[in-house]
């Protein structure tokens, strides 16, 4: 398998997808974003199926990977629209779809680049203390754009993966169809000579019409 082939390119795209989604999964776990966690897990499974199907010449596995890419693009497009509050979408009202209504928030909201966090400390009668984040300032990049960047990378890789998966499935299925007619019994037509069909011990007997002279029949 040359590195210039579509199969090699698709496997490379799948490897990049695995790296990107594992990195995203780590930070989603830190923020307890349960819907993205489930989606990332399914994406990892489908990408592994895509790698296996491409390497082992299994077009059905590649087809499953291909269909999932469309769903994955739609999911990440929703995330992008939600964090950018496109149309009727609002973080205050619709963030529950990403957290399964647990009240959690993105880990990047308070731990982004350059963020300075202020805590409110509550002391209980038994001496225990509880700290709650009250304010976050100084973030170089707003957490919403970080989430949009993660989702955008997933969409971009999924688009390339979908395009190459279509081509790979087409090539694998066409190779399977042509293989059925190579070396089969039907390939030995009546126009093939016995010398080309095999050795003297494996010469195929061809039926030839026998013409009986008319004089012989009358005698």
Protein backbone atom coordinates (compact mmCIF):
# COMPACT_ATOMS: atom_id res chain seq x y z
CA UNK A 1 0.00 0.00 0.00
CA UNK A 2 1.72 3.16 -1.18
CA UNK A 3 1.47 6.31 0.87
CA UNK A 4 0.04 8.14 -2.14
CA UNK A 5 -3.06 5.92 -2.30
CA UNK A 6 -6.51 6.90 -1.04
CA UNK A 7 -6.41 4.12 1.56
CA UNK A 8 -3.25 5.48 3.09
CA UNK A 9 -4.68 9.00 3.08
CA UNK A 10 -7.89 7.85 4.76
CA UNK A 11 -5.95 6.00 7.47
CA UNK A 12 -3.90 9.17 8.07
CA UNK A 13 -7.09 11.22 8.42
CA UNK A 14 -8.49 8.66 10.86
CA UNK A 15 -5.30 8.83 12.93
CA UNK A 16 -5.58 12.63 13.12
CA UNK A 17 -9.22 12.27 14.14
CA UNK A 18 -8.26 9.92 16.96
CA UNK A 19 -5.64 12.34 18.27
CA UNK A 20 -8.04 15.29 18.11
CA UNK A 21 -10.98 13.50 19.71
CA UNK A 22 -8.92 12.00 22.55
CA UNK A 23 -7.59 15.49 23.38
CA UNK A 24 -11.13 16.82 23.35
CA UNK A 25 -12.41 13.93 25.43
CA UNK A 26 -9.95 14.70 28.23
CA UNK A 27 -11.20 18.27 28.66
CA UNK A 28 -14.85 17.23 28.31
CA UNK A 29 -14.29 14.80 31.20
CA UNK A 30 -12.77 17.60 33.26
CA UNK A 31 -15.88 19.71 32.67
CA UNK A 32 -18.33 16.81 33.02
CA UNK A 33 -19.88 17.57 29.62
CA UNK A 34 -21.73 14.29 29.37
CA UNK A 35 -23.30 14.57 25.92
CA UNK A 36 -19.97 15.39 24.21
CA UNK A 37 -18.33 12.59 26.22
CA UNK A 38 -20.80 10.04 24.81
CA UNK A 39 -20.43 11.48 21.30
CA UNK A 40 -16.63 11.40 21.48
CA UNK A 41 -16.73 7.75 22.56
CA UNK A 42 -18.95 6.78 19.63
CA UNK A 43 -16.69 8.74 17.31
CA UNK A 44 -13.63 6.86 18.55
CA UNK A 45 -15.36 3.52 17.92
CA UNK A 46 -16.43 4.49 14.38
CA UNK A 47 -12.97 5.85 13.52
CA UNK A 48 -11.38 2.59 14.66
CA UNK A 49 -13.88 0.72 12.44
CA UNK A 50 -12.85 2.97 9.57
CA UNK A 51 -9.16 2.22 10.09
CA UNK A 52 -9.81 -1.52 10.33
CA UNK A 53 -12.09 -1.58 7.29
CA UNK A 54 -9.65 0.43 5.19
CA UNK A 55 -6.64 -1.68 6.14
CA UNK A 56 -8.43 -5.03 5.83
CA UNK A 57 -10.36 -4.21 2.63
CA UNK A 58 -13.77 -4.26 4.37
CA UNK A 59 -16.03 -1.78 2.53
CA UNK A 60 -18.93 -2.30 4.96
CA UNK A 61 -16.87 -1.06 7.90
CA UNK A 62 -15.74 1.92 5.86
CA UNK A 63 -19.37 2.61 4.96
CA UNK A 64 -20.31 2.69 8.66
CA UNK A 65 -17.49 5.15 9.24
CA UNK A 66 -18.67 7.21 6.26
CA UNK A 67 -22.27 7.49 7.50
CA UNK A 68 -21.09 8.42 11.00
CA UNK A 69 -19.08 11.32 9.58
CA UNK A 70 -22.30 12.98 8.43
CA UNK A 71 -23.82 12.63 11.90
CA UNK A 72 -20.60 13.87 13.49
CA UNK A 73 -20.56 16.95 11.26
CA UNK A 74 -24.16 17.72 12.25
CA UNK A 75 -23.39 17.33 15.98
CA UNK A 76 -20.37 19.60 15.86
CA UNK A 77 -22.22 22.14 13.73
CA UNK A 78 -24.83 22.29 16.49
CA UNK A 79 -22.11 22.86 19.10
CA UNK A 80 -20.65 25.69 17.02
CA UNK A 81 -24.05 27.35 16.60
CA UNK A 82 -24.81 26.94 20.31
CA UNK A 83 -21.61 28.56 21.59
CA UNK A 84 -21.93 31.37 19.05
CA UNK A 85 -25.64 31.67 19.95
CA UNK A 86 -26.78 31.56 16.34
CA UNK A 87 -30.47 32.16 15.78
CA UNK A 88 -32.68 31.08 18.66
CA UNK A 89 -29.91 29.15 20.41
CA UNK A 90 -28.76 30.49 23.78
CA UNK A 91 -26.19 29.16 26.22
CA UNK A 92 -28.39 29.94 29.19
CA UNK A 93 -31.34 27.97 27.83
CA UNK A 94 -29.80 25.25 25.68
CA UNK A 95 -26.51 24.37 27.37
CA UNK A 96 -28.43 21.66 29.20
CA UNK A 97 -28.38 19.63 25.97
CA UNK A 98 -24.61 19.26 26.36
CA UNK A 99 -24.56 18.65 30.10
CA UNK A 100 -27.76 16.53 30.31
CA UNK A 101 -29.17 19.22 32.63
CA UNK A 102 -26.53 18.69 35.35
CA UNK A 103 -25.57 22.37 35.60
CA UNK A 104 -21.94 21.80 34.57
CA UNK A 105 -19.96 24.14 32.33
CA UNK A 106 -17.04 23.89 29.96
CA UNK A 107 -13.69 23.36 31.69
CA UNK A 108 -12.22 26.12 29.54
CA UNK A 109 -14.52 28.74 31.07
CA UNK A 110 -12.38 29.08 34.20
CA UNK A 111 -9.13 27.41 33.12
CA UNK A 112 -8.41 29.03 29.78
CA UNK A 113 -5.19 30.72 28.77
CA UNK A 114 -4.40 33.61 31.13
CA UNK A 115 -7.59 33.24 33.20
CA UNK A 116 -7.53 34.61 36.76
CA UNK A 117 -10.14 33.03 39.01
CA UNK A 118 -11.63 34.58 42.16
CA UNK A 119 -13.19 32.26 44.73
CA UNK A 120 -15.79 32.82 47.42
CA UNK A 121 -14.92 30.82 50.53
CA UNK A 122 -17.64 29.57 52.85
CA UNK A 123 -16.71 28.24 56.31
CA UNK A 124 -19.05 25.82 58.07
CA UNK A 125 -19.47 25.36 61.82
CA UNK A 126 -17.39 22.19 61.89
CA UNK A 127 -14.43 24.01 60.36
CA UNK A 128 -14.87 22.74 56.82
CA UNK A 129 -14.55 25.23 53.99
CA UNK A 130 -16.16 25.35 50.60
CA UNK A 131 -14.81 27.37 47.68
CA UNK A 132 -16.98 28.51 44.82
CA UNK A 133 -15.84 30.37 41.72
CA UNK A 134 -17.26 33.87 41.74
CA UNK A 135 -15.45 35.59 38.89
CA UNK A 136 -13.06 34.82 36.04
CA UNK A 137 -10.98 37.56 34.45
CA UNK A 138 -8.06 38.06 32.12
CA UNK A 139 -8.71 35.18 29.74
CA UNK A 140 -6.74 35.63 26.54
CA UNK A 141 -9.33 33.70 24.54
CA UNK A 142 -12.95 33.30 25.54
CA UNK A 143 -13.91 29.71 26.32
CA UNK A 144 -16.69 29.78 23.75
CA UNK A 145 -14.22 30.28 20.93
CA UNK A 146 -12.06 27.44 22.24
CA UNK A 147 -15.06 25.11 22.09
CA UNK A 148 -15.91 26.41 18.61
CA UNK A 149 -12.30 25.75 17.54
CA UNK A 150 -12.46 22.16 18.82
CA UNK A 151 -15.77 21.55 17.03
CA UNK A 152 -14.50 23.20 13.85
CA UNK A 153 -11.46 20.92 13.72
CA UNK A 154 -13.72 17.91 14.12
CA UNK A 155 -15.95 19.12 11.27
CA UNK A 156 -13.00 19.75 8.97
CA UNK A 157 -11.48 16.31 9.56
CA UNK A 158 -14.89 14.67 9.20
CA UNK A 159 -15.46 16.34 5.83
CA UNK A 160 -12.15 15.06 4.46
CA UNK A 161 -12.80 11.64 5.99
CA UNK A 162 -16.24 11.46 4.37
CA UNK A 163 -14.88 12.39 0.93
CA UNK A 164 -12.05 9.85 1.03
CA UNK A 165 -14.35 7.18 2.52
CA UNK A 166 -16.65 7.49 -0.50
CA UNK A 167 -13.73 6.99 -2.84
CA UNK A 168 -12.31 4.05 -0.86
CA UNK A 169 -15.69 2.29 -0.69
CA UNK A 170 -16.09 2.75 -4.44
CA UNK A 171 -12.63 1.33 -5.13
CA UNK A 172 -13.06 -1.65 -2.79
CA UNK A 173 -16.48 -2.59 -4.15
CA UNK A 174 -15.31 -2.27 -7.77
CA UNK A 175 -12.30 -4.48 -7.02
CA UNK A 176 -14.58 -7.10 -5.44
CA UNK A 177 -16.84 -7.12 -8.51
CA UNK A 178 -13.94 -7.50 -10.93
CA UNK A 179 -12.37 -10.25 -8.83
CA UNK A 180 -15.43 -12.46 -9.30
CA UNK A 181 -14.74 -12.68 -13.02
CA UNK A 182 -10.99 -13.26 -12.87
CA UNK A 183 -9.90 -16.90 -12.91
CA UNK A 184 -13.46 -18.19 -12.79
CA UNK A 185 -14.82 -21.11 -14.78
CA UNK A 186 -16.55 -18.76 -17.20
CA UNK A 187 -13.24 -17.25 -18.21
CA UNK A 188 -12.45 -20.33 -20.34
CA UNK A 189 -14.53 -19.57 -23.35
CA UNK A 190 -14.86 -21.67 -26.44
CA UNK A 191 -12.30 -19.44 -28.09
CA UNK A 192 -9.53 -20.48 -25.69
CA UNK A 193 -7.10 -22.99 -27.05
CA UNK A 194 -6.31 -26.12 -25.02
CA UNK A 195 -2.60 -25.22 -24.88
CA UNK A 196 -3.38 -21.96 -23.03
CA UNK A 197 -5.88 -23.55 -20.71
CA UNK A 198 -3.32 -25.69 -18.92
CA UNK A 199 -0.83 -28.53 -19.22
CA UNK A 200 -1.40 -31.72 -21.19
CA UNK A 201 -2.77 -33.46 -18.10
CA UNK A 202 -5.28 -30.69 -17.45
CA UNK A 203 -6.38 -29.99 -21.02
CA UNK A 204 -10.05 -29.12 -21.12
CA UNK A 205 -12.02 -31.33 -23.48
CA UNK A 206 -14.07 -29.20 -25.84
CA UNK A 207 -17.14 -30.61 -27.50
CA UNK A 208 -16.93 -30.46 -31.30
CA UNK A 209 -19.72 -31.42 -33.72
CA UNK A 210 -19.19 -34.67 -35.59
CA UNK A 211 -20.24 -34.81 -39.23
CA UNK A 212 -21.06 -38.26 -40.61
CA UNK A 213 -20.74 -38.70 -44.40
CA UNK A 214 -24.00 -39.36 -46.17
CA UNK A 215 -22.55 -42.38 -48.08
CA UNK A 216 -21.72 -44.13 -44.84
CA UNK A 217 -25.24 -43.74 -43.58
CA UNK A 218 -26.72 -45.23 -46.76
CA UNK A 219 -24.51 -48.30 -46.61
